[in-house]
Full PDB file with SEQRES, HELIX, SHEET, SSBOND, CRYST1, ORIGX, SCALE, CONECT and MASTER records, all heavy atoms in Angstrom:
SEQRES   1 A   40  ARG GLU ARG VAL PRO PHE ARG ASN ARG GLY LEU VAL GLU          
SEQRES   2 A   40  TRP LEU LEU ALA PHE MET VAL LEU VAL ALA ALA VAL PRO          
SEQRES   3 A   40  ALA SER GLY GLN GLN VAL MET VAL SER GLY SER THR GLY          
SEQRES   4 A   40  THR                                                          
HELIX    1 AA1 PRO A    5  LEU A   16  1                                  12    
CRYST1    1.000    1.000    1.000  90.00  90.00  90.00 P 1           1          
ORIGX1      1.000000  0.000000  0.000000        0.00000                         
ORIGX2      0.000000  1.000000  0.000000        0.00000                         
ORIGX3      0.000000  0.000000  1.000000        0.00000                         
SCALE1      1.000000  0.000000  0.000000        0.00000                         
SCALE2      0.000000  1.000000  0.000000        0.00000                         
SCALE3      0.000000  0.000000  1.000000        0.00000                         
ATOM      1  N   ARG A   1     113.337 108.170  77.847  1.00  0.00           N  
ATOM      2  CA  ARG A   1     112.950 109.201  78.802  1.00  0.00           C  
ATOM      3  C   ARG A   1     111.604 109.811  78.423  1.00  0.00           C  
ATOM      4  O   ARG A   1     111.334 110.113  77.273  1.00  0.00           O  
ATOM      5  CB  ARG A   1     114.011 110.313  78.836  1.00  0.00           C  
ATOM      6  CG  ARG A   1     113.670 111.436  79.818  1.00  0.00           C  
ATOM      7  CD  ARG A   1     114.760 112.487  79.845  1.00  0.00           C  
ATOM      8  NE  ARG A   1     116.011 111.892  80.281  1.00  0.00           N  
ATOM      9  CZ  ARG A   1     116.348 111.734  81.563  1.00  0.00           C  
ATOM     10  NH1 ARG A   1     115.495 112.123  82.505  1.00  0.00           N  
ATOM     11  NH2 ARG A   1     117.496 111.211  81.892  1.00  0.00           N  
ATOM     12  N   GLU A   2     110.766 109.987  79.434  1.00  0.00           N  
ATOM     13  CA  GLU A   2     109.453 110.589  79.207  1.00  0.00           C  
ATOM     14  C   GLU A   2     109.611 112.073  78.900  1.00  0.00           C  
ATOM     15  O   GLU A   2     110.379 112.788  79.541  1.00  0.00           O  
ATOM     16  CB  GLU A   2     108.585 110.422  80.457  1.00  0.00           C  
ATOM     17  CG  GLU A   2     107.194 111.039  80.308  1.00  0.00           C  
ATOM     18  CD  GLU A   2     106.408 110.960  81.591  1.00  0.00           C  
ATOM     19  OE1 GLU A   2     106.973 110.476  82.603  1.00  0.00           O  
ATOM     20  OE2 GLU A   2     105.250 111.375  81.584  1.00  0.00           O  
ATOM     21  N   ARG A   3     108.948 112.555  77.883  1.00  0.00           N  
ATOM     22  CA  ARG A   3     108.941 113.966  77.547  1.00  0.00           C  
ATOM     23  C   ARG A   3     107.860 114.664  78.369  1.00  0.00           C  
ATOM     24  O   ARG A   3     106.728 114.201  78.437  1.00  0.00           O  
ATOM     25  CB  ARG A   3     108.668 114.184  76.057  1.00  0.00           C  
ATOM     26  CG  ARG A   3     109.705 113.528  75.162  1.00  0.00           C  
ATOM     27  CD  ARG A   3     111.101 114.126  75.379  1.00  0.00           C  
ATOM     28  NE  ARG A   3     112.098 113.490  74.538  1.00  0.00           N  
ATOM     29  CZ  ARG A   3     112.428 113.929  73.327  1.00  0.00           C  
ATOM     30  NH1 ARG A   3     111.809 114.982  72.832  1.00  0.00           N  
ATOM     31  NH2 ARG A   3     113.337 113.315  72.616  1.00  0.00           N  
ATOM     32  N   VAL A   4     108.223 115.764  78.997  1.00  0.00           N  
ATOM     33  CA  VAL A   4     107.267 116.462  79.859  1.00  0.00           C  
ATOM     34  C   VAL A   4     107.224 117.947  79.477  1.00  0.00           C  
ATOM     35  O   VAL A   4     107.658 118.817  80.209  1.00  0.00           O  
ATOM     36  CB  VAL A   4     107.652 116.299  81.354  1.00  0.00           C  
ATOM     37  CG1 VAL A   4     107.274 114.934  81.864  1.00  0.00           C  
ATOM     38  CG2 VAL A   4     109.148 116.530  81.541  1.00  0.00           C  
ATOM     39  N   PRO A   5     106.715 118.267  78.295  1.00  0.00           N  
ATOM     40  CA  PRO A   5     106.753 119.651  77.833  1.00  0.00           C  
ATOM     41  C   PRO A   5     106.004 120.616  78.731  1.00  0.00           C  
ATOM     42  O   PRO A   5     106.397 121.768  78.855  1.00  0.00           O  
ATOM     43  CB  PRO A   5     106.139 119.572  76.432  1.00  0.00           C  
ATOM     44  CG  PRO A   5     105.298 118.327  76.457  1.00  0.00           C  
ATOM     45  CD  PRO A   5     106.036 117.374  77.330  1.00  0.00           C  
ATOM     46  N   PHE A   6     104.917 120.201  79.351  1.00  0.00           N  
ATOM     47  CA  PHE A   6     104.167 121.156  80.166  1.00  0.00           C  
ATOM     48  C   PHE A   6     104.908 121.468  81.460  1.00  0.00           C  
ATOM     49  O   PHE A   6     104.842 122.567  81.964  1.00  0.00           O  
ATOM     50  CB  PHE A   6     102.764 120.612  80.450  1.00  0.00           C  
ATOM     51  CG  PHE A   6     101.902 120.587  79.236  1.00  0.00           C  
ATOM     52  CD1 PHE A   6     101.655 119.405  78.556  1.00  0.00           C  
ATOM     53  CD2 PHE A   6     101.362 121.764  78.742  1.00  0.00           C  
ATOM     54  CE1 PHE A   6     100.872 119.401  77.413  1.00  0.00           C  
ATOM     55  CE2 PHE A   6     100.572 121.750  77.603  1.00  0.00           C  
ATOM     56  CZ  PHE A   6     100.333 120.568  76.932  1.00  0.00           C  
ATOM     57  N   ARG A   7     105.630 120.488  82.020  1.00  0.00           N  
ATOM     58  CA  ARG A   7     106.410 120.759  83.216  1.00  0.00           C  
ATOM     59  C   ARG A   7     107.599 121.664  82.907  1.00  0.00           C  
ATOM     60  O   ARG A   7     108.091 122.361  83.774  1.00  0.00           O  
ATOM     61  CB  ARG A   7     106.904 119.452  83.817  1.00  0.00           C  
ATOM     62  CG  ARG A   7     105.784 118.578  84.368  1.00  0.00           C  
ATOM     63  CD  ARG A   7     106.321 117.249  84.829  1.00  0.00           C  
ATOM     64  NE  ARG A   7     107.295 117.405  85.912  1.00  0.00           N  
ATOM     65  CZ  ARG A   7     108.102 116.422  86.310  1.00  0.00           C  
ATOM     66  NH1 ARG A   7     108.057 115.249  85.703  1.00  0.00           N  
ATOM     67  NH2 ARG A   7     108.936 116.619  87.309  1.00  0.00           N  
ATOM     68  N   ASN A   8     108.088 121.661  81.679  1.00  0.00           N  
ATOM     69  CA  ASN A   8     109.191 122.538  81.296  1.00  0.00           C  
ATOM     70  C   ASN A   8     108.848 124.001  81.504  1.00  0.00           C  
ATOM     71  O   ASN A   8     109.721 124.841  81.668  1.00  0.00           O  
ATOM     72  CB  ASN A   8     109.552 122.318  79.816  1.00  0.00           C  
ATOM     73  CG  ASN A   8     110.256 120.998  79.616  1.00  0.00           C  
ATOM     74  OD1 ASN A   8     110.531 120.286  80.571  1.00  0.00           O  
ATOM     75  ND2 ASN A   8     110.530 120.678  78.364  1.00  0.00           N  
ATOM     76  N   ARG A   9     107.576 124.292  81.465  1.00  0.00           N  
ATOM     77  CA  ARG A   9     107.144 125.674  81.621  1.00  0.00           C  
ATOM     78  C   ARG A   9     107.614 126.256  82.956  1.00  0.00           C  
ATOM     79  O   ARG A   9     107.811 127.441  83.114  1.00  0.00           O  
ATOM     80  CB  ARG A   9     105.631 125.755  81.501  1.00  0.00           C  
ATOM     81  CG  ARG A   9     105.089 127.174  81.444  1.00  0.00           C  
ATOM     82  CD  ARG A   9     103.585 127.173  81.242  1.00  0.00           C  
ATOM     83  NE  ARG A   9     103.231 126.436  80.042  1.00  0.00           N  
ATOM     84  CZ  ARG A   9     102.002 125.984  79.802  1.00  0.00           C  
ATOM     85  NH1 ARG A   9     101.053 126.168  80.698  1.00  0.00           N  
ATOM     86  NH2 ARG A   9     101.730 125.336  78.697  1.00  0.00           N  
ATOM     87  N   GLY A  10     107.813 125.374  83.947  1.00  0.00           N  
ATOM     88  CA  GLY A  10     108.254 125.855  85.247  1.00  0.00           C  
ATOM     89  C   GLY A  10     109.605 126.542  85.176  1.00  0.00           C  
ATOM     90  O   GLY A  10     109.853 127.523  85.882  1.00  0.00           O  
ATOM     91  N   LEU A  11     110.524 126.060  84.330  1.00  0.00           N  
ATOM     92  CA  LEU A  11     111.820 126.701  84.185  1.00  0.00           C  
ATOM     93  C   LEU A  11     111.677 128.107  83.625  1.00  0.00           C  
ATOM     94  O   LEU A  11     112.274 129.060  84.124  1.00  0.00           O  
ATOM     95  CB  LEU A  11     112.713 125.864  83.257  1.00  0.00           C  
ATOM     96  CG  LEU A  11     114.052 126.501  82.853  1.00  0.00           C  
ATOM     97  CD1 LEU A  11     114.902 126.757  84.081  1.00  0.00           C  
ATOM     98  CD2 LEU A  11     114.787 125.614  81.861  1.00  0.00           C  
ATOM     99  N   VAL A  12     110.860 128.237  82.589  1.00  0.00           N  
ATOM    100  CA  VAL A  12     110.670 129.549  81.989  1.00  0.00           C  
ATOM    101  C   VAL A  12     110.020 130.510  82.973  1.00  0.00           C  
ATOM    102  O   VAL A  12     110.385 131.684  83.065  1.00  0.00           O  
ATOM    103  CB  VAL A  12     109.835 129.435  80.698  1.00  0.00           C  
ATOM    104  CG1 VAL A  12     109.605 130.802  80.087  1.00  0.00           C  
ATOM    105  CG2 VAL A  12     110.531 128.518  79.715  1.00  0.00           C  
ATOM    106  N   GLU A  13     109.053 130.017  83.730  1.00  0.00           N  
ATOM    107  CA  GLU A  13     108.397 130.880  84.714  1.00  0.00           C  
ATOM    108  C   GLU A  13     109.389 131.338  85.774  1.00  0.00           C  
ATOM    109  O   GLU A  13     109.364 132.483  86.220  1.00  0.00           O  
ATOM    110  CB  GLU A  13     107.222 130.134  85.350  1.00  0.00           C  
ATOM    111  CG  GLU A  13     106.072 129.904  84.387  1.00  0.00           C  
ATOM    112  CD  GLU A  13     104.991 129.024  84.989  1.00  0.00           C  
ATOM    113  OE1 GLU A  13     105.228 128.429  86.058  1.00  0.00           O  
ATOM    114  OE2 GLU A  13     103.922 128.939  84.380  1.00  0.00           O  
ATOM    115  N   TRP A  14     110.289 130.426  86.168  1.00  0.00           N  
ATOM    116  CA  TRP A  14     111.301 130.806  87.153  1.00  0.00           C  
ATOM    117  C   TRP A  14     112.209 131.896  86.603  1.00  0.00           C  
ATOM    118  O   TRP A  14     112.531 132.873  87.274  1.00  0.00           O  
ATOM    119  CB  TRP A  14     112.115 129.566  87.523  1.00  0.00           C  
ATOM    120  CG  TRP A  14     113.051 129.801  88.688  1.00  0.00           C  
ATOM    121  CD1 TRP A  14     112.803 129.566  89.995  1.00  0.00           C  
ATOM    122  CD2 TRP A  14     114.373 130.326  88.625  1.00  0.00           C  
ATOM    123  NE1 TRP A  14     113.895 129.908  90.751  1.00  0.00           N  
ATOM    124  CE2 TRP A  14     114.880 130.383  89.928  1.00  0.00           C  
ATOM    125  CE3 TRP A  14     115.199 130.762  87.578  1.00  0.00           C  
ATOM    126  CZ2 TRP A  14     116.142 130.838  90.242  1.00  0.00           C  
ATOM    127  CZ3 TRP A  14     116.465 131.233  87.880  1.00  0.00           C  
ATOM    128  CH2 TRP A  14     116.921 131.260  89.198  1.00  0.00           C  
ATOM    129  N   LEU A  15     112.618 131.734  85.344  1.00  0.00           N  
ATOM    130  CA  LEU A  15     113.484 132.728  84.724  1.00  0.00           C  
ATOM    131  C   LEU A  15     112.784 134.072  84.579  1.00  0.00           C  
ATOM    132  O   LEU A  15     113.355 135.131  84.851  1.00  0.00           O  
ATOM    133  CB  LEU A  15     113.947 132.239  83.343  1.00  0.00           C  
ATOM    134  CG  LEU A  15     114.909 131.047  83.333  1.00  0.00           C  
ATOM    135  CD1 LEU A  15     115.106 130.572  81.909  1.00  0.00           C  
ATOM    136  CD2 LEU A  15     116.229 131.428  83.952  1.00  0.00           C  
ATOM    137  N   LEU A  16     111.527 134.043  84.167  1.00  0.00           N  
ATOM    138  CA  LEU A  16     110.813 135.289  83.916  1.00  0.00           C  
ATOM    139  C   LEU A  16     110.516 136.063  85.191  1.00  0.00           C  
ATOM    140  O   LEU A  16     110.194 137.239  85.138  1.00  0.00           O  
ATOM    141  CB  LEU A  16     109.510 134.999  83.161  1.00  0.00           C  
ATOM    142  CG  LEU A  16     109.694 134.526  81.716  1.00  0.00           C  
ATOM    143  CD1 LEU A  16     108.345 134.250  81.085  1.00  0.00           C  
ATOM    144  CD2 LEU A  16     110.454 135.553  80.908  1.00  0.00           C  
ATOM    145  N   ALA A  17     110.648 135.419  86.324  1.00  0.00           N  
ATOM    146  CA  ALA A  17     110.481 136.147  87.570  1.00  0.00           C  
ATOM    147  C   ALA A  17     111.606 137.147  87.779  1.00  0.00           C  
ATOM    148  O   ALA A  17     111.479 138.111  88.535  1.00  0.00           O  
ATOM    149  CB  ALA A  17     110.447 135.173  88.750  1.00  0.00           C  
ATOM    150  N   PHE A  18     112.724 136.942  87.049  1.00  0.00           N  
ATOM    151  CA  PHE A  18     113.879 137.807  87.232  1.00  0.00           C  
ATOM    152  C   PHE A  18     114.308 138.511  85.957  1.00  0.00           C  
ATOM    153  O   PHE A  18     115.077 139.454  85.999  1.00  0.00           O  
ATOM    154  CB  PHE A  18     115.076 136.992  87.745  1.00  0.00           C  
ATOM    155  CG  PHE A  18     114.810 136.350  89.077  1.00  0.00           C  
ATOM    156  CD1 PHE A  18     114.322 135.055  89.143  1.00  0.00           C  
ATOM    157  CD2 PHE A  18     115.034 137.044  90.242  1.00  0.00           C  
ATOM    158  CE1 PHE A  18     114.079 134.462  90.365  1.00  0.00           C  
ATOM    159  CE2 PHE A  18     114.798 136.451  91.464  1.00  0.00           C  
ATOM    160  CZ  PHE A  18     114.316 135.157  91.539  1.00  0.00           C  
ATOM    161  N   MET A  19     113.813 138.066  84.813  1.00  0.00           N  
ATOM    162  CA  MET A  19     114.293 138.605  83.547  1.00  0.00           C  
ATOM    163  C   MET A  19     113.127 138.948  82.631  1.00  0.00           C  
ATOM    164  O   MET A  19     111.971 138.719  82.968  1.00  0.00           O  
ATOM    165  CB  MET A  19     115.235 137.596  82.878  1.00  0.00           C  
ATOM    166  CG  MET A  19     116.547 137.456  83.646  1.00  0.00           C  
ATOM    167  SD  MET A  19     117.519 136.049  83.116  1.00  0.00           S  
ATOM    168  CE  MET A  19     116.644 134.709  83.907  1.00  0.00           C  
ATOM    169  N   VAL A  20     113.475 139.508  81.467  1.00  0.00           N  
ATOM    170  CA  VAL A  20     112.467 140.046  80.555  1.00  0.00           C  
ATOM    171  C   VAL A  20     112.414 139.206  79.289  1.00  0.00           C  
ATOM    172  O   VAL A  20     113.454 138.865  78.718  1.00  0.00           O  
ATOM    173  CB  VAL A  20     112.793 141.507  80.187  1.00  0.00           C  
ATOM    174  CG1 VAL A  20     111.749 142.059  79.242  1.00  0.00           C  
ATOM    175  CG2 VAL A  20     112.871 142.357  81.453  1.00  0.00           C  
ATOM    176  N   LEU A  21     111.234 138.864  78.854  1.00  0.00           N  
ATOM    177  CA  LEU A  21     111.056 138.105  77.620  1.00  0.00           C  
ATOM    178  C   LEU A  21     111.462 138.950  76.422  1.00  0.00           C  
ATOM    179  O   LEU A  21     111.120 140.125  76.324  1.00  0.00           O  
ATOM    180  CB  LEU A  21     109.597 137.679  77.474  1.00  0.00           C  
ATOM    181  CG  LEU A  21     109.265 136.769  76.281  1.00  0.00           C  
ATOM    182  CD1 LEU A  21     109.915 135.405  76.478  1.00  0.00           C  
ATOM    183  CD2 LEU A  21     107.759 136.626  76.139  1.00  0.00           C  
ATOM    184  N   VAL A  22     112.231 138.337  75.511  1.00  0.00           N  
ATOM    185  CA  VAL A  22     112.646 139.019  74.294  1.00  0.00           C  
ATOM    186  C   VAL A  22     111.605 138.770  73.215  1.00  0.00           C  
ATOM    187  O   VAL A  22     111.319 137.619  72.867  1.00  0.00           O  
ATOM    188  CB  VAL A  22     114.024 138.512  73.824  1.00  0.00           C  
ATOM    189  CG1 VAL A  22     114.425 139.184  72.522  1.00  0.00           C  
ATOM    190  CG2 VAL A  22     115.068 138.774  74.898  1.00  0.00           C  
ATOM    191  N   ALA A  23     111.042 139.812  72.669  1.00  0.00           N  
ATOM    192  CA  ALA A  23     110.003 139.649  71.654  1.00  0.00           C  
ATOM    193  C   ALA A  23     110.559 139.050  70.372  1.00  0.00           C  
ATOM    194  O   ALA A  23     109.941 138.210  69.743  1.00  0.00           O  
ATOM    195  CB  ALA A  23     109.350 140.993  71.366  1.00  0.00           C  
ATOM    196  N   ALA A  24     111.745 139.500  69.968  1.00  0.00           N  
ATOM    197  CA  ALA A  24     112.345 138.984  68.743  1.00  0.00           C  
ATOM    198  C   ALA A  24     113.850 139.181  68.833  1.00  0.00           C  
ATOM    199  O   ALA A  24     114.323 140.143  69.422  1.00  0.00           O  
ATOM    200  CB  ALA A  24     111.802 139.718  67.517  1.00  0.00           C  
ATOM    201  N   VAL A  25     114.608 138.261  68.249  1.00  0.00           N  
ATOM    202  CA  VAL A  25     116.056 138.361  68.227  1.00  0.00           C  
ATOM    203  C   VAL A  25     116.493 138.578  66.785  1.00  0.00           C  
ATOM    204  O   VAL A  25     116.397 137.676  65.960  1.00  0.00           O  
ATOM    205  CB  VAL A  25     116.709 137.076  68.783  1.00  0.00           C  
ATOM    206  CG1 VAL A  25     118.221 137.195  68.743  1.00  0.00           C  
ATOM    207  CG2 VAL A  25     116.232 136.815  70.205  1.00  0.00           C  
ATOM    208  N   PRO A  26     116.921 139.795  66.427  1.00  0.00           N  
ATOM    209  CA  PRO A  26     117.312 140.070  65.045  1.00  0.00           C  
ATOM    210  C   PRO A  26     118.586 139.334  64.663  1.00  0.00           C  
ATOM    211  O   PRO A  26     119.318 138.841  65.516  1.00  0.00           O  
ATOM    212  CB  PRO A  26     117.538 141.593  65.047  1.00  0.00           C  
ATOM    213  CG  PRO A  26     117.864 141.919  66.466  1.00  0.00           C  
ATOM    214  CD  PRO A  26     117.065 140.965  67.297  1.00  0.00           C  
ATOM    215  N   ALA A  27     118.833 139.248  63.392  1.00  0.00           N  
ATOM    216  CA  ALA A  27     119.990 138.531  62.877  1.00  0.00           C  
ATOM    217  C   ALA A  27     121.267 139.291  63.202  1.00  0.00           C  
ATOM    218  O   ALA A  27     121.259 140.458  63.548  1.00  0.00           O  
ATOM    219  CB  ALA A  27     119.860 138.365  61.364  1.00  0.00           C  
ATOM    220  N   SER A  28     122.385 138.565  63.096  1.00  0.00           N  
ATOM    221  CA  SER A  28     123.676 139.198  63.288  1.00  0.00           C  
ATOM    222  C   SER A  28     123.881 140.269  62.245  1.00  0.00           C  
ATOM    223  O   SER A  28     123.273 140.236  61.171  1.00  0.00           O  
ATOM    224  CB  SER A  28     124.789 138.146  63.199  1.00  0.00           C  
ATOM    225  OG  SER A  28     124.770 137.528  61.925  1.00  0.00           O  
ATOM    226  N   GLY A  29     124.760 141.242  62.551  1.00  0.00           N  
ATOM    227  CA  GLY A  29     124.878 142.336  61.612  1.00  0.00           C  
ATOM    228  C   GLY A  29     126.146 143.143  61.780  1.00  0.00           C  
ATOM    229  O   GLY A  29     126.946 142.916  62.672  1.00  0.00           O  
ATOM    230  N   GLN A  30     126.308 144.076  60.870  1.00  0.00           N  
ATOM    231  CA  GLN A  30     127.369 145.063  60.912  1.00  0.00           C  
ATOM    232  C   GLN A  30     126.756 146.406  60.583  1.00  0.00           C  
ATOM    233  O   GLN A  30     125.821 146.499  59.789  1.00  0.00           O  
ATOM    234  CB  GLN A  30     128.474 144.734  59.896  1.00  0.00           C  
ATOM    235  CG  GLN A  30     129.282 143.480  60.201  1.00  0.00           C  
ATOM    236  CD  GLN A  30     128.580 142.224  59.761  1.00  0.00           C  
ATOM    237  OE1 GLN A  30     127.797 142.228  58.821  1.00  0.00           O  
ATOM    238  NE2 GLN A  30     128.864 141.129  60.433  1.00  0.00           N  
ATOM    239  N   GLN A  31     127.292 147.437  61.186  1.00  0.00           N  
ATOM    240  CA  GLN A  31     126.859 148.782  60.824  1.00  0.00           C  
ATOM    241  C   GLN A  31     128.094 149.595  60.450  1.00  0.00           C  
ATOM    242  O   GLN A  31     129.142 149.478  61.077  1.00  0.00           O  
ATOM    243  CB  GLN A  31     126.077 149.435  61.950  1.00  0.00           C  
ATOM    244  CG  GLN A  31     126.757 149.474  63.294  1.00  0.00           C  
ATOM    245  CD  GLN A  31     125.850 150.062  64.362  1.00  0.00           C  
ATOM    246  OE1 GLN A  31     124.667 150.277  64.144  1.00  0.00           O  
ATOM    247  NE2 GLN A  31     126.421 150.351  65.512  1.00  0.00           N  
ATOM    248  N   VAL A  32     127.952 150.397  59.395  1.00  0.00           N  
ATOM    249  CA  VAL A  32     129.066 151.155  58.845  1.00  0.00           C  
ATOM    250  C   VAL A  32     128.736 152.640  58.900  1.00  0.00           C  
ATOM    251  O   VAL A  32     127.695 153.065  58.381  1.00  0.00           O  
ATOM    252  CB  VAL A  32     129.359 150.740  57.388  1.00  0.00           C  
ATOM    253  CG1 VAL A  32     130.461 151.595  56.797  1.00  0.00           C  
ATOM    254  CG2 VAL A  32     129.753 149.275  57.322  1.00  0.00           C  
ATOM    255  N   MET A  33     129.616 153.426  59.519  1.00  0.00           N  
ATOM    256  CA  MET A  33     129.483 154.872  59.517  1.00  0.00           C  
ATOM    257  C   MET A  33     130.396 155.441  58.440  1.00  0.00           C  
ATOM    258  O   MET A  33     131.609 155.230  58.463  1.00  0.00           O  
ATOM    259  CB  MET A  33     129.867 155.462  60.881  1.00  0.00           C  
ATOM    260  CG  MET A  33     129.596 156.958  60.978  1.00  0.00           C  
ATOM    261  SD  MET A  33     130.004 157.669  62.606  1.00  0.00           S  
ATOM    262  CE  MET A  33     131.786 157.861  62.444  1.00  0.00           C  
ATOM    263  N   VAL A  34     129.811 156.140  57.475  1.00  0.00           N  
ATOM    264  CA  VAL A  34     130.557 156.785  56.400  1.00  0.00           C  
ATOM    265  C   VAL A  34     130.548 158.280  56.664  1.00  0.00           C  
ATOM    266  O   VAL A  34     129.484 158.893  56.776  1.00  0.00           O  
ATOM    267  CB  VAL A  34     129.935 156.494  55.020  1.00  0.00           C  
ATOM    268  CG1 VAL A  34     130.787 157.100  53.921  1.00  0.00           C  
ATOM    269  CG2 VAL A  34     129.792 155.002  54.812  1.00  0.00           C  
ATOM    270  N   SER A  35     131.734 158.860  56.800  1.00  0.00           N  
ATOM    271  CA  SER A  35     131.831 160.269  57.143  1.00  0.00           C  
ATOM    272  C   SER A  35     132.739 160.971  56.146  1.00  0.00           C  
ATOM    273  O   SER A  35     133.862 160.526  55.895  1.00  0.00           O  
ATOM    274  CB  SER A  35     132.377 160.440  58.563  1.00  0.00           C  
ATOM    275  OG  SER A  35     132.205 161.748  59.023  1.00  0.00           O  
ATOM    276  N   GLY A  36     132.258 162.052  55.546  1.00  0.00           N  
ATOM    277  CA  GLY A  36     133.032 162.781  54.555  1.00  0.00           C  
ATOM    278  C   GLY A  36     132.529 164.193  54.389  1.00  0.00           C  
ATOM    279  O   GLY A  36     131.833 164.742  55.245  1.00  0.00           O  
ATOM    280  N   SER A  37     132.859 164.787  53.267  1.00  0.00           N  
ATOM    281  CA  SER A  37     132.562 166.198  53.042  1.00  0.00           C  
ATOM    282  C   SER A  37     131.069 166.489  52.974  1.00  0.00           C  
ATOM    283  O   SER A  37     130.635 167.619  53.208  1.00  0.00           O  
ATOM    284  CB  SER A  37     133.231 166.662  51.740  1.00  0.00           C  
ATOM    285  OG  SER A  37     132.785 165.869  50.648  1.00  0.00           O  
ATOM    286  N   THR A  38     130.261 165.486  52.659  1.00  0.00           N  
ATOM    287  CA  THR A  38     128.811 165.704  52.544  1.00  0.00           C  
ATOM    288  C   THR A  38     128.050 165.348  53.817  1.00  0.00           C  
ATOM    289  O   THR A  38     126.825 165.403  53.834  1.00  0.00           O  
ATOM    290  CB  THR A  38     128.250 164.878  51.378  1.00  0.00           C  
ATOM    291  OG1 THR A  38     128.529 163.487  51.608  1.00  0.00           O  
ATOM    292  CG2 THR A  38     128.877 165.301  50.054  1.00  0.00           C  
ATOM    293  N   GLY A  39     128.764 164.953  54.883  1.00  0.00           N  
ATOM    294  CA  GLY A  39     128.099 164.606  56.131  1.00  0.00           C  
ATOM    295  C   GLY A  39     128.408 163.180  56.544  1.00  0.00           C  
ATOM    296  O   GLY A  39     129.359 162.561  56.053  1.00  0.00           O  
ATOM    297  N   THR A  40     127.597 162.656  57.449  1.00  0.00           N  
ATOM    298  CA  THR A  40     127.834 161.324  58.014  1.00  0.00           C  
ATOM    299  C   THR A  40     126.550 160.509  57.956  1.00  0.00           C  
ATOM    300  O   THR A  40     125.468 161.012  58.276  1.00  0.00           O  
ATOM    301  CB  THR A  40     128.322 161.436  59.463  1.00  0.00           C  
ATOM    302  OG1 THR A  40     129.521 162.221  59.501  1.00  0.00           O  
ATOM    303  CG2 THR A  40     128.607 160.069  60.056  1.00  0.00           C  
TER     304      THR A  40                                                      
MASTER        0    0    0    1    0    0    0    6  303    1    0    4          
END                                                                             
């Protein structure tokens, strides 16, 4: 199959007409809230 990287741009352009480009996608994570006598 012929690779057509420049034509692929059409898909992204179609998507961006309706959505917003993400500048960066941070890693998965967890956040912990610790609450006690000294605060949170």
